[in-house]
Amino acid sequence: MGRVLRVQEVSSKCSRNVCKTLLEKLKAQYSNLEGLPPDRIVPTVGLNIGRVEVSNTKLVFWDLGGQPGLRSIWEKYYEEAHAVIYVVDAACPSRFEDSKSALEKVLRHEDLQGAPLLILANKQDLAEAVSAEELDRYLDLKKLDERAYTLQAVSAYDGMGIKESVDWLVDIMERSKRTEMLRIRAGVTNPGSA
C-alpha cells in the first residue's frame, strides 16, 4: 500500500477552510463514499487519515495540519512516506513566504530524500488566486531539478485538477526509487501490496 504524506499549509487569515476539504474531495472522487460538504469540514488539528484506491494502487493519505504550532509533528511521518503533497493557499499571497520557508524545511529533511513532490496551488476557484505558474516562480522550484515534482492548479472546493494531480502522483510513485527502497525495507516484493 503506497503511503502519501500530505503536508497542508493553512492560514486562518485567509478565506475558506482548506484543511480537510482536499481529503474529502479525494475520497468522493475515488470511492463510492460521498465526502463531507465544505461547510461541515473543520480544520485539521493533528492528523486525519484517508484511504483511496487509484488505478489498483492503494493509497493512505496522512493529512497533517499546517498551522505553525502543528508543524513539529510532521517529522514523525516522513520516514514511511512514499511521496509528499504540499498544499498552498493560492488565494493568500501574504502567506507565500511562510509556505516557501516551510516547504524548504520539509524538503531538506533526510527522511524525505527522493520522495516525489506534488505541490497543489489550491483555491483556483477564487478570483484572487494566483496561477500555478506565478506560484512556481515565487517558490523558485527550478532548484528542485533532482526531485520528481510537479505543481498543479486545483480547487479542493469544486474538485478541479485533483484527479489529474493524483494520477500523476500514482504514476511517479510507481517508478520512484524511494518507493522501491521502502518496499525492500518492508520486505515486500509484490508492488501492489507495499
C-alpha atoms as a PDB file:
ATOM      1  CA  MET A   1       0.000   0.000   0.000  1.00  0.00           C
ATOM      2  CA  GLY A   2       1.560   3.308  -1.036  1.00  0.00           C
ATOM      3  CA  ARG A   3       1.700   5.928   1.653  1.00  0.00           C
ATOM      4  CA  VAL A   4       1.389   9.589   0.792  1.00  0.00           C
ATOM      5  CA  LEU A   5       2.399  12.289   3.203  1.00  0.00           C
ATOM      6  CA  ARG A   6       0.189  15.291   2.696  1.00  0.00           C
ATOM      7  CA  VAL A   7       1.515  18.445   4.282  1.00  0.00           C
ATOM      8  CA  GLN A   8      -1.205  21.060   4.418  1.00  0.00           C
ATOM      9  CA  GLU A   9      -0.385  24.750   4.559  1.00  0.00           C
ATOM     10  CA  VAL A  10      -3.256  26.759   6.036  1.00  0.00           C
ATOM     11  CA  SER A  11      -3.920  30.259   7.252  1.00  0.00           C
ATOM     12  CA  SER A  12      -6.750  31.380   9.466  1.00  0.00           C
ATOM     13  CA  LYS A  13      -6.415  34.850   7.944  1.00  0.00           C
ATOM     14  CA  CYS A  14      -7.494  33.675   4.501  1.00  0.00           C
ATOM     15  CA  SER A  15     -10.909  32.731   3.234  1.00  0.00           C
ATOM     16  CA  ARG A  16     -12.458  29.261   3.448  1.00  0.00           C
ATOM     17  CA  ASN A  17     -11.070  26.257   5.226  1.00  0.00           C
ATOM     18  CA  VAL A  18      -8.812  24.053   3.065  1.00  0.00           C
ATOM     19  CA  CYS A  19      -7.641  21.580   5.684  1.00  0.00           C
ATOM     20  CA  LYS A  20      -9.753  18.520   5.150  1.00  0.00           C
ATOM     21  CA  THR A  21     -11.536  19.742   2.025  1.00  0.00           C
ATOM     22  CA  LEU A  22      -8.982  18.173  -0.328  1.00  0.00           C
ATOM     23  CA  LEU A  23      -9.036  14.851   1.510  1.00  0.00           C
ATOM     24  CA  GLU A  24     -12.842  14.791   1.427  1.00  0.00           C
ATOM     25  CA  LYS A  25     -12.857  15.572  -2.301  1.00  0.00           C
ATOM     26  CA  LEU A  26     -10.315  12.777  -2.908  1.00  0.00           C
ATOM     27  CA  LYS A  27     -12.454  10.262  -1.055  1.00  0.00           C
ATOM     28  CA  ALA A  28     -15.516  11.315  -3.054  1.00  0.00           C
ATOM     29  CA  GLN A  29     -13.728  11.133  -6.423  1.00  0.00           C
ATOM     30  CA  TYR A  30     -12.116   7.738  -5.867  1.00  0.00           C
ATOM     31  CA  SER A  31     -14.762   5.840  -3.919  1.00  0.00           C
ATOM     32  CA  ASN A  32     -18.485   5.370  -3.643  1.00  0.00           C
ATOM     33  CA  LEU A  33     -18.442   7.474  -0.498  1.00  0.00           C
ATOM     34  CA  GLU A  34     -19.744  10.999  -0.535  1.00  0.00           C
ATOM     35  CA  GLY A  35     -17.347  13.473   1.054  1.00  0.00           C
ATOM     36  CA  LEU A  36     -18.464  15.960   3.649  1.00  0.00           C
ATOM     37  CA  PRO A  37     -19.854  19.209   2.242  1.00  0.00           C
ATOM     38  CA  PRO A  38     -17.308  22.055   2.561  1.00  0.00           C
ATOM     39  CA  ASP A  39     -19.384  23.915   5.164  1.00  0.00           C
ATOM     40  CA  ARG A  40     -19.177  20.891   7.521  1.00  0.00           C
ATOM     41  CA  ILE A  41     -15.398  20.468   7.305  1.00  0.00           C
ATOM     42  CA  VAL A  42     -13.287  21.678  10.211  1.00  0.00           C
ATOM     43  CA  PRO A  43      -9.523  22.391  10.166  1.00  0.00           C
ATOM     44  CA  THR A  44      -7.128  19.515  10.676  1.00  0.00           C
ATOM     45  CA  VAL A  45      -5.752  19.515  14.192  1.00  0.00           C
ATOM     46  CA  GLY A  46      -3.064  16.871  14.330  1.00  0.00           C
ATOM     47  CA  LEU A  47      -3.719  14.077  11.842  1.00  0.00           C
ATOM     48  CA  ASN A  48      -6.535  12.852   9.603  1.00  0.00           C
ATOM     49  CA  ILE A  49      -6.150   9.665   7.583  1.00  0.00           C
ATOM     50  CA  GLY A  50      -7.834   8.908   4.287  1.00  0.00           C
ATOM     51  CA  ARG A  51      -7.652   5.749   2.200  1.00  0.00           C
ATOM     52  CA  VAL A  52      -8.425   5.526  -1.503  1.00  0.00           C
ATOM     53  CA  GLU A  53      -7.636   3.187  -4.370  1.00  0.00           C
ATOM     54  CA  VAL A  54      -6.356   4.701  -7.606  1.00  0.00           C
ATOM     55  CA  SER A  55      -5.547   2.525 -10.636  1.00  0.00           C
ATOM     56  CA  ASN A  56      -5.270  -0.607  -8.453  1.00  0.00           C
ATOM     57  CA  THR A  57      -2.895   1.208  -6.099  1.00  0.00           C
ATOM     58  CA  LYS A  58      -3.998   1.610  -2.508  1.00  0.00           C
ATOM     59  CA  LEU A  59      -3.055   4.969  -1.056  1.00  0.00           C
ATOM     60  CA  VAL A  60      -3.055   6.155   2.526  1.00  0.00           C
ATOM     61  CA  PHE A  61      -3.136   9.929   2.909  1.00  0.00           C
ATOM     62  CA  TRP A  62      -1.817  11.377   6.141  1.00  0.00           C
ATOM     63  CA  ASP A  63      -3.396  14.823   6.314  1.00  0.00           C
ATOM     64  CA  LEU A  64      -1.257  16.872   8.689  1.00  0.00           C
ATOM     65  CA  GLY A  65      -2.392  20.277   9.914  1.00  0.00           C
ATOM     66  CA  GLY A  66      -0.330  23.154   8.554  1.00  0.00           C
ATOM     67  CA  GLN A  67      -0.638  25.642  11.378  1.00  0.00           C
ATOM     68  CA  PRO A  68       2.819  26.634  12.682  1.00  0.00           C
ATOM     69  CA  GLY A  69       2.111  25.052  16.076  1.00  0.00           C
ATOM     70  CA  LEU A  70       1.372  21.675  14.441  1.00  0.00           C
ATOM     71  CA  ARG A  71       4.434  21.510  12.199  1.00  0.00           C
ATOM     72  CA  SER A  72       6.510  19.888  14.926  1.00  0.00           C
ATOM     73  CA  ILE A  73       4.611  16.599  14.367  1.00  0.00           C
ATOM     74  CA  TRP A  74       5.300  16.452  10.621  1.00  0.00           C
ATOM     75  CA  GLU A  75       8.701  14.766  11.001  1.00  0.00           C
ATOM     76  CA  LYS A  76       7.140  11.757  12.734  1.00  0.00           C
ATOM     77  CA  TYR A  77       5.581  10.755   9.401  1.00  0.00           C
ATOM     78  CA  TYR A  78       8.464  11.392   6.990  1.00  0.00           C
ATOM     79  CA  GLU A  79      10.312   8.078   7.182  1.00  0.00           C
ATOM     80  CA  GLU A  80       7.421   5.972   5.833  1.00  0.00           C
ATOM     81  CA  ALA A  81       6.113   8.488   3.288  1.00  0.00           C
ATOM     82  CA  HIS A  82       6.370   7.427  -0.343  1.00  0.00           C
ATOM     83  CA  ALA A  83       5.649  10.982  -1.530  1.00  0.00           C
ATOM     84  CA  VAL A  84       4.780  14.474  -0.352  1.00  0.00           C
ATOM     85  CA  ILE A  85       1.753  16.528  -1.285  1.00  0.00           C
ATOM     86  CA  TYR A  86       2.220  20.148  -0.277  1.00  0.00           C
ATOM     87  CA  VAL A  87      -0.873  22.337  -0.459  1.00  0.00           C
ATOM     88  CA  VAL A  88      -0.524  26.101  -0.793  1.00  0.00           C
ATOM     89  CA  ASP A  89      -3.428  28.523  -0.424  1.00  0.00           C
ATOM     90  CA  ALA A  90      -3.008  30.298  -3.781  1.00  0.00           C
ATOM     91  CA  ALA A  91      -5.536  32.954  -2.756  1.00  0.00           C
ATOM     92  CA  CYS A  92      -3.398  34.169   0.143  1.00  0.00           C
ATOM     93  CA  PRO A  93      -0.149  35.702  -1.189  1.00  0.00           C
ATOM     94  CA  SER A  94       0.607  37.187   2.235  1.00  0.00           C
ATOM     95  CA  ARG A  95       1.387  33.611   3.386  1.00  0.00           C
ATOM     96  CA  PHE A  96       3.626  32.628   0.453  1.00  0.00           C
ATOM     97  CA  GLU A  97       6.872  33.442   2.249  1.00  0.00           C
ATOM     98  CA  ASP A  98       5.870  31.240   5.179  1.00  0.00           C
ATOM     99  CA  SER A  99       4.769  28.493   2.759  1.00  0.00           C
ATOM    100  CA  LYS A 100       8.064  28.667   0.899  1.00  0.00           C
ATOM    101  CA  SER A 101      10.077  28.503   4.112  1.00  0.00           C
ATOM    102  CA  ALA A 102       8.077  25.540   5.462  1.00  0.00           C
ATOM    103  CA  LEU A 103       8.357  23.682   2.142  1.00  0.00           C
ATOM    104  CA  GLU A 104      12.123  24.197   2.012  1.00  0.00           C
ATOM    105  CA  LYS A 105      12.443  22.835   5.543  1.00  0.00           C
ATOM    106  CA  VAL A 106      10.365  19.771   4.641  1.00  0.00           C
ATOM    107  CA  LEU A 107      12.434  19.055   1.539  1.00  0.00           C
ATOM    108  CA  ARG A 108      15.759  19.368   3.381  1.00  0.00           C
ATOM    109  CA  HIS A 109      14.825  16.604   5.823  1.00  0.00           C
ATOM    110  CA  GLU A 110      16.937  13.482   5.249  1.00  0.00           C
ATOM    111  CA  ASP A 111      13.966  11.147   5.778  1.00  0.00           C
ATOM    112  CA  LEU A 112      12.289  12.565   2.663  1.00  0.00           C
ATOM    113  CA  GLN A 113      15.215  12.246   0.265  1.00  0.00           C
ATOM    114  CA  GLY A 114      13.990  11.113  -3.127  1.00  0.00           C
ATOM    115  CA  ALA A 115      10.312  11.477  -2.234  1.00  0.00           C
ATOM    116  CA  PRO A 116       8.288  12.709  -5.221  1.00  0.00           C
ATOM    117  CA  LEU A 117       6.652  16.077  -4.585  1.00  0.00           C
ATOM    118  CA  LEU A 118       3.205  17.220  -5.662  1.00  0.00           C
ATOM    119  CA  ILE A 119       2.585  20.896  -4.930  1.00  0.00           C
ATOM    120  CA  LEU A 120      -1.031  21.981  -5.186  1.00  0.00           C
ATOM    121  CA  ALA A 121      -1.887  25.628  -5.822  1.00  0.00           C
ATOM    122  CA  ASN A 122      -5.291  25.394  -4.158  1.00  0.00           C
ATOM    123  CA  LYS A 123      -8.364  27.658  -4.307  1.00  0.00           C
ATOM    124  CA  GLN A 124      -8.222  28.217  -8.053  1.00  0.00           C
ATOM    125  CA  ASP A 125     -11.999  28.700  -7.913  1.00  0.00           C
ATOM    126  CA  LEU A 126     -11.399  32.116  -6.313  1.00  0.00           C
ATOM    127  CA  ALA A 127     -10.698  35.192  -8.450  1.00  0.00           C
ATOM    128  CA  GLU A 128      -7.846  36.313  -6.180  1.00  0.00           C
ATOM    129  CA  ALA A 129      -5.912  33.033  -6.516  1.00  0.00           C
ATOM    130  CA  VAL A 130      -2.561  33.299  -8.273  1.00  0.00           C
ATOM    131  CA  SER A 131      -1.906  30.893 -11.121  1.00  0.00           C
ATOM    132  CA  ALA A 132       0.237  27.788 -10.763  1.00  0.00           C
ATOM    133  CA  GLU A 133       2.857  29.473 -12.978  1.00  0.00           C
ATOM    134  CA  GLU A 134       3.050  32.520 -10.686  1.00  0.00           C
ATOM    135  CA  LEU A 135       3.355  30.314  -7.614  1.00  0.00           C
ATOM    136  CA  ASP A 136       6.038  28.216  -9.330  1.00  0.00           C
ATOM    137  CA  ARG A 137       8.111  31.357  -9.924  1.00  0.00           C
ATOM    138  CA  TYR A 138       7.610  32.563  -6.356  1.00  0.00           C
ATOM    139  CA  LEU A 139       8.590  29.230  -4.804  1.00  0.00           C
ATOM    140  CA  ASP A 140      11.637  29.086  -7.128  1.00  0.00           C
ATOM    141  CA  LEU A 141      11.011  25.441  -7.949  1.00  0.00           C
ATOM    142  CA  LYS A 142      13.619  25.235 -10.701  1.00  0.00           C
ATOM    143  CA  LYS A 143      16.148  24.399  -7.971  1.00  0.00           C
ATOM    144  CA  LEU A 144      14.364  21.054  -7.457  1.00  0.00           C
ATOM    145  CA  ASP A 145      15.993  19.526 -10.556  1.00  0.00           C
ATOM    146  CA  GLU A 146      16.906  16.252  -8.817  1.00  0.00           C
ATOM    147  CA  ARG A 147      13.480  15.577  -7.280  1.00  0.00           C
ATOM    148  CA  ALA A 148      10.478  14.387  -9.277  1.00  0.00           C
ATOM    149  CA  TYR A 149       7.880  17.110  -8.783  1.00  0.00           C
ATOM    150  CA  THR A 150       5.011  18.968 -10.350  1.00  0.00           C
ATOM    151  CA  LEU A 151       2.914  21.961  -9.369  1.00  0.00           C
ATOM    152  CA  GLN A 152      -0.770  21.755 -10.243  1.00  0.00           C
ATOM    153  CA  ALA A 153      -3.602  24.272 -10.072  1.00  0.00           C
ATOM    154  CA  VAL A 154      -6.506  22.773  -8.107  1.00  0.00           C
ATOM    155  CA  SER A 155      -9.656  23.621  -6.249  1.00  0.00           C
ATOM    156  CA  ALA A 156     -10.461  21.413  -3.275  1.00  0.00           C
ATOM    157  CA  TYR A 157     -13.836  23.151  -3.185  1.00  0.00           C
ATOM    158  CA  ASP A 158     -15.069  22.052  -6.624  1.00  0.00           C
ATOM    159  CA  GLY A 159     -12.559  19.266  -7.382  1.00  0.00           C
ATOM    160  CA  MET A 160     -10.873  20.936 -10.368  1.00  0.00           C
ATOM    161  CA  GLY A 161      -7.452  19.388 -11.093  1.00  0.00           C
ATOM    162  CA  ILE A 162      -7.461  16.907  -8.203  1.00  0.00           C
ATOM    163  CA  LYS A 163      -7.878  13.717 -10.231  1.00  0.00           C
ATOM    164  CA  GLU A 164      -5.133  14.683 -12.690  1.00  0.00           C
ATOM    165  CA  SER A 165      -2.805  15.553  -9.813  1.00  0.00           C
ATOM    166  CA  VAL A 166      -3.341  12.256  -8.002  1.00  0.00           C
ATOM    167  CA  ASP A 167      -2.996  10.297 -11.251  1.00  0.00           C
ATOM    168  CA  TRP A 168       0.410  11.969 -11.786  1.00  0.00           C
ATOM    169  CA  LEU A 169       1.398  11.106  -8.228  1.00  0.00           C
ATOM    170  CA  VAL A 170       0.453   7.425  -8.539  1.00  0.00           C
ATOM    171  CA  ASP A 171       2.390   7.130 -11.798  1.00  0.00           C
ATOM    172  CA  ILE A 172       5.525   8.795 -10.418  1.00  0.00           C
ATOM    173  CA  MET A 173       5.373   6.849  -7.141  1.00  0.00           C
ATOM    174  CA  GLU A 174       5.281   3.533  -9.009  1.00  0.00           C
ATOM    175  CA  ARG A 175       8.527   4.487 -10.791  1.00  0.00           C
ATOM    176  CA  SER A 176      10.165   6.121  -7.770  1.00  0.00           C
ATOM    177  CA  LYS A 177      13.395   4.765  -6.302  1.00  0.00           C
ATOM    178  CA  ARG A 178      12.051   5.825  -2.927  1.00  0.00           C
ATOM    179  CA  THR A 179       9.013   3.551  -3.292  1.00  0.00           C
ATOM    180  CA  GLU A 180      11.319   0.710  -4.324  1.00  0.00           C
ATOM    181  CA  MET A 181      13.526   1.337  -1.276  1.00  0.00           C
ATOM    182  CA  LEU A 182      10.519   1.412   1.082  1.00  0.00           C
ATOM    183  CA  ARG A 183       9.187  -1.832  -0.397  1.00  0.00           C
ATOM    184  CA  ILE A 184      12.547  -3.558   0.072  1.00  0.00           C
ATOM    185  CA  ARG A 185      12.768  -2.268   3.635  1.00  0.00           C
ATOM    186  CA  ALA A 186       9.293  -3.649   4.334  1.00  0.00           C
ATOM    187  CA  GLY A 187      10.178  -6.986   2.711  1.00  0.00           C
ATOM    188  CA  VAL A 188       7.501  -6.571   0.055  1.00  0.00           C
ATOM    189  CA  THR A 189       8.086  -7.971  -3.414  1.00  0.00           C
ATOM    190  CA  ASN A 190       4.563  -7.513  -4.777  1.00  0.00           C
ATOM    191  CA  PRO A 191       4.264  -3.834  -5.854  1.00  0.00           C
ATOM    192  CA  GLY A 192       0.506  -3.795  -5.260  1.00  0.00           C
ATOM    193  CA  SER A 193       0.935  -4.507  -1.556  1.00  0.00           C
ATOM    194  CA  ALA A 194       3.593  -2.000  -0.420  1.00  0.00           C
END
